[in-house]
Protein backbone atom coordinates (compact mmCIF):
# COMPACT_ATOMS: atom_id res chain seq x y z
CA MET A 1 0.04 -0.07 0.07
CA ILE A 2 1.50 3.16 -0.90
CA PHE A 3 0.86 6.61 1.01
CA GLU A 4 0.89 10.09 -0.12
CA ILE A 5 3.86 11.94 2.12
CA PRO A 6 1.02 13.96 4.28
CA GLN A 7 -0.38 10.10 5.10
CA VAL A 8 3.23 8.96 5.86
CA ILE A 9 3.87 11.65 8.12
CA ARG A 10 0.41 11.48 9.87
CA TYR A 11 1.38 7.90 10.82
CA ALA A 12 4.61 8.93 11.67
CA LEU A 13 3.11 11.37 14.05
CA LEU A 14 0.87 9.05 15.47
CA ALA A 15 3.11 6.83 16.33
CA TRP A 16 5.08 9.12 18.02
CA ARG A 17 3.21 10.74 20.29
CA PHE A 18 1.53 7.11 21.53
CA ARG A 19 5.21 5.72 21.60
CA ASP A 20 5.10 4.55 25.47
CA TYR A 21 1.67 2.92 25.39
CA ARG A 22 2.50 0.06 27.53
CA PRO A 23 0.34 -3.12 26.99
CA LYS A 24 1.40 -3.29 23.31
CA ARG A 25 3.61 -0.70 21.32
CA VAL A 26 2.11 1.83 18.65
CA THR A 27 4.14 1.82 15.95
CA PHE A 28 4.13 3.25 12.23
CA ALA A 29 3.50 -0.78 11.28
CA GLY A 30 1.08 -1.42 13.67
CA LEU A 31 -0.91 1.79 12.56
CA ARG A 32 -1.41 0.93 9.17
CA GLU A 33 -2.28 -2.75 9.66
CA TRP A 34 -4.80 -1.33 12.22
CA ILE A 35 -6.26 0.70 9.82
CA ARG A 36 -6.75 -1.85 7.20
CA GLN A 37 -8.78 -3.83 8.94
CA PHE A 38 -11.53 -1.12 8.60
CA GLU A 39 -13.76 -0.08 5.25
CA ARG A 40 -12.09 2.43 2.74
CA GLU A 41 -14.95 4.92 3.27
CA ASP A 42 -14.37 4.65 7.21
CA ARG A 43 -10.33 4.83 7.44
CA SER A 44 -10.33 8.69 7.29
CA THR A 45 -13.20 8.99 10.03
CA ILE A 46 -11.35 6.32 12.10
CA LEU A 47 -7.68 8.15 12.12
CA ASN A 48 -9.66 11.14 12.73
CA ILE A 49 -11.26 9.66 16.21
CA LEU A 50 -7.84 8.55 16.71
CA GLN A 51 -6.08 11.64 16.32
CA SER A 52 -8.75 13.53 18.96
CA VAL A 53 -7.78 10.49 21.48
CA SER A 54 -6.71 12.24 24.79
CA TYR A 55 -3.82 10.64 25.85
CA LEU A 56 -2.23 10.90 28.79
CA ASN A 57 1.99 9.75 28.89
CA GLU A 58 3.74 9.22 32.51
CA GLY A 59 5.08 12.17 32.54
CA ASP A 60 1.71 13.49 32.22
CA VAL A 61 0.22 12.17 34.84
CA SER A 62 2.25 12.19 37.33
CA ARG A 63 2.64 16.26 36.61
CA ILE A 64 -1.15 16.29 37.05
CA LEU A 65 -1.09 14.46 40.43
CA VAL A 66 1.58 16.35 41.86
CA GLU A 67 0.63 19.55 40.63
CA GLN A 68 -2.81 18.97 42.16
CA ASN A 69 -1.61 17.16 45.31
CA GLU A 70 0.12 20.30 46.11
CA ALA A 71 -2.41 22.50 45.45
CA LEU A 72 -4.97 20.46 47.90
CA ILE A 73 -2.31 20.58 50.74
CA ARG A 74 -2.17 23.99 50.59
CA LYS A 75 -6.21 24.31 50.41
CA LEU A 76 -6.26 22.02 53.09
CA ASN A 77 -3.60 23.78 55.35
CA ALA A 78 -5.31 27.45 54.95
CA ALA A 79 -8.51 24.92 56.27
CA GLY A 80 -6.44 23.93 59.70
CA ILE A 81 -5.51 20.21 58.62
CA ALA A 82 -2.33 19.88 58.60
CA THR A 83 -0.43 16.83 56.39
CA LYS A 84 -0.05 14.79 60.00
CA LYS A 85 -3.91 14.38 59.38
CA ILE A 86 -4.32 13.42 55.82
CA ILE A 87 -4.86 9.70 55.01
CA TYR A 88 -4.22 8.88 51.14
CA VAL A 89 -6.04 5.74 50.47
CA SER A 90 -5.84 3.43 47.45
CA ILE A 91 -8.98 2.00 45.52
CA ASP A 92 -7.88 -1.64 45.99
CA THR A 93 -9.92 -3.29 43.42
CA ALA A 94 -9.02 -5.91 40.59
CA GLY A 95 -7.23 -4.07 37.92
CA SER A 96 -6.92 -1.29 39.06
CA SER A 97 -3.93 1.08 39.00
CA SER A 98 -4.71 3.20 41.91
CA ALA A 99 -1.89 1.49 44.86
CA VAL A 100 0.55 2.24 41.86
CA MET A 101 -0.58 5.76 41.48
CA LEU A 102 -0.31 6.33 45.04
CA ASN A 103 3.37 4.75 45.04
CA LEU A 104 4.26 7.39 42.66
CA LEU A 105 2.70 10.38 44.48
CA ARG A 106 4.40 9.13 48.11
CA ASP A 107 7.51 9.26 46.55
CA ALA A 108 7.21 12.41 44.20
CA CYS A 109 5.58 14.56 47.24
CA HIS A 110 7.30 12.90 49.96
CA LEU A 111 4.04 11.83 51.76
CA GLU A 112 5.63 9.67 54.37
CA ARG A 113 8.22 12.44 55.67
CA ARG A 114 5.33 14.49 56.14
CA GLY A 115 3.31 12.71 58.32
CA CYS A 116 0.65 11.68 56.18
CA TYR A 117 -0.73 8.46 56.16
CA LEU A 118 -1.19 5.86 53.56
CA LEU A 119 -3.63 3.23 53.38
CA ASP A 120 -4.98 0.41 51.29
CA SER A 121 -9.33 0.87 51.44
CA ARG A 122 -9.52 -2.68 52.13
CA ASP A 123 -7.51 -2.39 55.41
CA VAL A 124 -9.89 -2.27 57.61
CA LEU A 125 -8.18 -2.38 60.90
CA GLY A 126 -5.43 0.03 59.99
CA ILE A 127 -8.50 2.52 58.58
CA SER A 128 -10.06 2.09 61.91
CA GLN A 129 -6.95 2.65 64.05
CA VAL A 130 -5.83 5.92 61.94
CA SER A 131 -8.89 7.83 61.88
CA ALA A 132 -9.67 7.35 65.94
CA LYS A 133 -5.91 8.09 66.21
CA ILE A 134 -6.18 11.63 64.39
CA ASP A 135 -9.91 11.97 65.19
CA GLY A 136 -10.67 13.91 61.87
CA GLY A 137 -8.99 15.36 58.77
CA ALA A 138 -9.18 14.70 55.82
CA ILE A 139 -8.93 11.13 53.37
CA VAL A 140 -7.56 11.89 49.61
CA TYR A 141 -8.72 8.46 47.28
CA VAL A 142 -5.53 8.41 44.50
CA ASP A 143 -5.87 7.09 41.05
CA ASP A 144 -5.51 7.72 37.62
CA PHE A 145 -8.89 7.36 35.98
CA SER A 146 -12.35 7.10 36.87
CA GLY A 147 -15.29 6.29 34.13
CA SER A 148 -18.66 5.75 35.72
CA GLY A 149 -17.13 5.77 38.99
CA GLY A 150 -18.67 2.66 40.23
CA GLN A 151 -15.25 1.23 41.19
CA PHE A 152 -14.39 4.58 43.22
CA SER A 153 -18.24 4.77 45.05
CA ARG A 154 -17.81 0.76 45.94
CA SER A 155 -14.34 1.11 47.61
CA ARG A 156 -15.34 4.33 48.94
CA ASP A 157 -19.04 2.86 50.49
CA PHE A 158 -17.08 0.18 52.02
CA MET A 159 -14.11 2.11 53.82
CA SER A 160 -16.60 4.91 54.96
CA GLN A 161 -18.27 2.48 57.33
CA HIS A 162 -15.03 1.87 59.27
CA LEU A 163 -13.91 5.45 59.83
CA VAL A 164 -13.67 7.01 63.24
CA GLY A 165 -14.09 10.76 63.28
CA THR A 166 -15.30 13.58 60.50
CA PHE A 167 -13.36 13.83 57.52
CA ALA A 168 -13.14 16.02 54.36
CA GLU A 169 -13.17 13.80 51.18
CA PHE A 170 -11.53 14.46 47.83
CA PHE A 171 -10.38 12.28 44.93
CA LEU A 172 -6.98 12.79 43.98
CA VAL A 173 -6.99 11.45 39.85
CA ALA A 174 -5.58 12.44 36.35
CA CYS A 175 -8.61 12.59 34.36
CA ILE A 176 -12.17 11.81 35.52
CA CYS A 177 -15.28 11.11 33.36
CA GLU A 178 -18.37 13.42 33.65
CA GLU A 179 -20.70 10.27 34.75
CA ALA A 180 -18.13 9.62 37.85
CA ILE A 181 -18.72 13.81 38.84
CA TYR A 182 -22.34 13.15 40.00
CA GLU A 183 -21.24 10.01 41.89
CA LEU A 184 -18.85 12.08 43.81
CA ALA A 185 -21.48 14.55 44.34
CA GLU A 186 -23.90 11.79 46.09
CA ARG A 187 -20.97 11.36 48.79
CA GLN A 188 -19.75 14.68 49.07
CA VAL A 189 -16.47 13.69 47.63
CA GLU A 190 -14.62 16.69 45.99
CA ALA A 191 -12.75 15.48 42.69
CA CYS A 192 -9.25 17.35 42.22
CA THR A 193 -8.54 16.07 38.58
CA GLY A 194 -6.50 17.69 35.55
CA SER A 195 -9.64 17.41 33.55
CA ILE A 196 -13.04 16.40 33.45
CA HIS A 197 -14.02 13.83 30.21
CA ALA A 198 -16.56 15.36 28.82
CA ARG A 199 -19.71 13.07 27.20
CA ALA A 200 -19.49 16.04 24.19
CA GLN A 201 -16.06 15.37 23.97
CA ARG A 202 -16.13 11.32 23.04
CA PRO A 203 -16.53 10.93 19.32
CA LEU A 204 -18.61 7.81 19.42
CA HIS A 205 -21.34 8.82 22.72
CA GLU A 206 -24.63 9.23 21.20
CA GLN A 207 -23.98 13.10 23.03
CA GLY A 208 -20.47 13.11 20.97
CA VAL A 209 -20.12 15.83 18.60
CA GLY A 210 -17.45 16.22 15.99
CA LEU A 211 -18.51 13.23 13.37
CA ALA A 212 -21.14 13.91 10.83
CA VAL A 213 -24.04 12.03 11.86
CA GLY A 214 -23.80 9.25 9.03
CA ASP A 215 -20.68 8.59 9.91
CA LYS A 216 -20.85 8.63 14.06
CA ASN A 217 -23.89 6.07 13.46
CA ARG A 218 -22.28 3.96 11.03
CA LEU A 219 -19.62 3.47 13.19
CA ARG A 220 -21.07 3.17 16.74
CA GLU A 221 -23.70 0.56 14.66
CA TYR A 222 -19.94 -1.26 13.33
CA CYS A 223 -18.77 -1.49 17.28
CA LEU A 224 -22.24 -2.83 18.89
CA GLY A 225 -22.21 -5.37 15.88
CA ILE A 226 -18.51 -6.90 17.12
CA ASP A 227 -19.64 -7.04 20.78
CA GLY A 228 -23.48 -6.15 21.33
CA ARG A 229 -22.94 -5.51 25.06
CA GLY A 230 -19.30 -3.72 25.14
CA GLY A 231 -18.74 -2.40 21.73
CA LEU A 232 -19.04 1.39 23.10
CA GLY A 233 -17.13 0.23 26.39
CA TYR A 234 -18.53 -0.51 29.96
CA GLY A 235 -21.84 1.49 30.33
CA ALA A 236 -21.50 2.69 26.72
CA LEU A 237 -19.16 5.32 27.92
CA ALA A 238 -17.79 5.46 24.21
CA THR A 239 -14.43 7.82 26.36
CA ASN A 240 -11.87 8.95 24.31
CA VAL A 241 -9.33 8.88 26.55
CA VAL A 242 -5.69 6.50 26.73
CA LEU A 243 -3.06 5.97 29.22
CA TYR A 244 0.20 5.40 29.14
CA ARG A 245 0.05 1.98 31.43
CA ASN A 246 -3.72 0.79 29.96
CA CYS A 247 -6.60 1.82 28.10
CA PRO A 248 -9.64 2.51 30.13
CA ASN A 249 -12.16 -0.70 29.57
CA THR A 250 -15.08 2.19 29.01
CA ALA A 251 -12.89 2.86 25.41
CA PRO A 252 -14.72 1.33 22.15
CA VAL A 253 -13.34 -1.81 20.81
CA LEU A 254 -12.57 0.61 17.88
CA LEU A 255 -9.13 1.66 19.72
CA ARG A 256 -8.88 -1.68 22.42
CA GLY A 257 -10.16 -4.34 19.48
CA THR A 258 -11.99 -8.05 21.26
CA LYS A 259 -10.72 -10.10 23.48
CA GLY A 260 -7.88 -12.38 22.44
CA GLN A 261 -7.50 -9.31 19.36
CA GLU A 262 -8.76 -12.51 16.84
CA GLU A 263 -11.89 -10.66 15.89
CA LEU A 264 -10.51 -6.91 16.01
CA VAL A 265 -7.02 -6.27 16.63
CA GLY A 266 -6.92 -2.87 18.69
CA ILE A 267 -4.28 0.24 18.47
CA PHE A 268 -4.47 -0.06 22.18
CA PRO A 269 -5.38 -3.14 23.74
CA ARG A 270 -5.75 -3.44 27.23
CA THR A 271 -3.44 -5.70 29.04
CA ASP A 272 -6.44 -8.50 29.54
CA ASP A 273 -7.59 -8.31 25.65
CA LEU A 274 -3.62 -9.56 24.64
CA PRO A 275 -3.86 -12.82 23.50
CA VAL A 276 -2.60 -15.55 26.23
CA PRO A 277 1.46 -16.00 25.13
CA ALA A 278 1.92 -19.83 23.96
CA LEU A 279 3.68 -22.09 26.91
């Protein structure tokens, strides 16, 4: 297949931009193979969707979390809440990157040296003992991405049953979807984030903008034809955010591909989407 120079440059720029995606490296050749799976009439639109992806590399995620954390600490100190009364919590559920993000934040912001506490949301005894000891302060949950907010809410609701004292609650997250903001509001948890991923920013979401109606409907139908339940991502969120460590399960199969990558190979497969290596 012969590309004109502008197309070659476009592929090269995309491959460079996504070069540190960890589950499967994005390459120039990989981009060509990925786009060839689709009908010619849809390829330009699909490339536009790929180009519109909000991609957070390792540096982006680290910078956002550190900046948001420092701003939050200043806010809490101004309100009379010292760092020794702040508990940082990882949301420990299967497949979560929360613990990795908390470790990143611990090292970059010297949390332990500042006297902060670091706990896991399932550590019932630790949560009860530490919260009783400091008797009020702030709880800061940490993660890199939140889609529907369901995973966060389940962990937070479980943990809150074991808190002793009154605590202001915050969710420190690199990117959060519009849907999750409502879940947090119901629980009086404040989001501290680099960006809120609105429905309108997602090309394949039913409320998304940026595509011609015919193109959008055709590609939505294509995704649902491959996977009737998860073709548009978990909860049909059709998110357009990708993080260097993994693609959220709320992304459409157009980007992720299918389980095992058999029916459709994704450009951003999740770790659990990839084929099991042969022994």
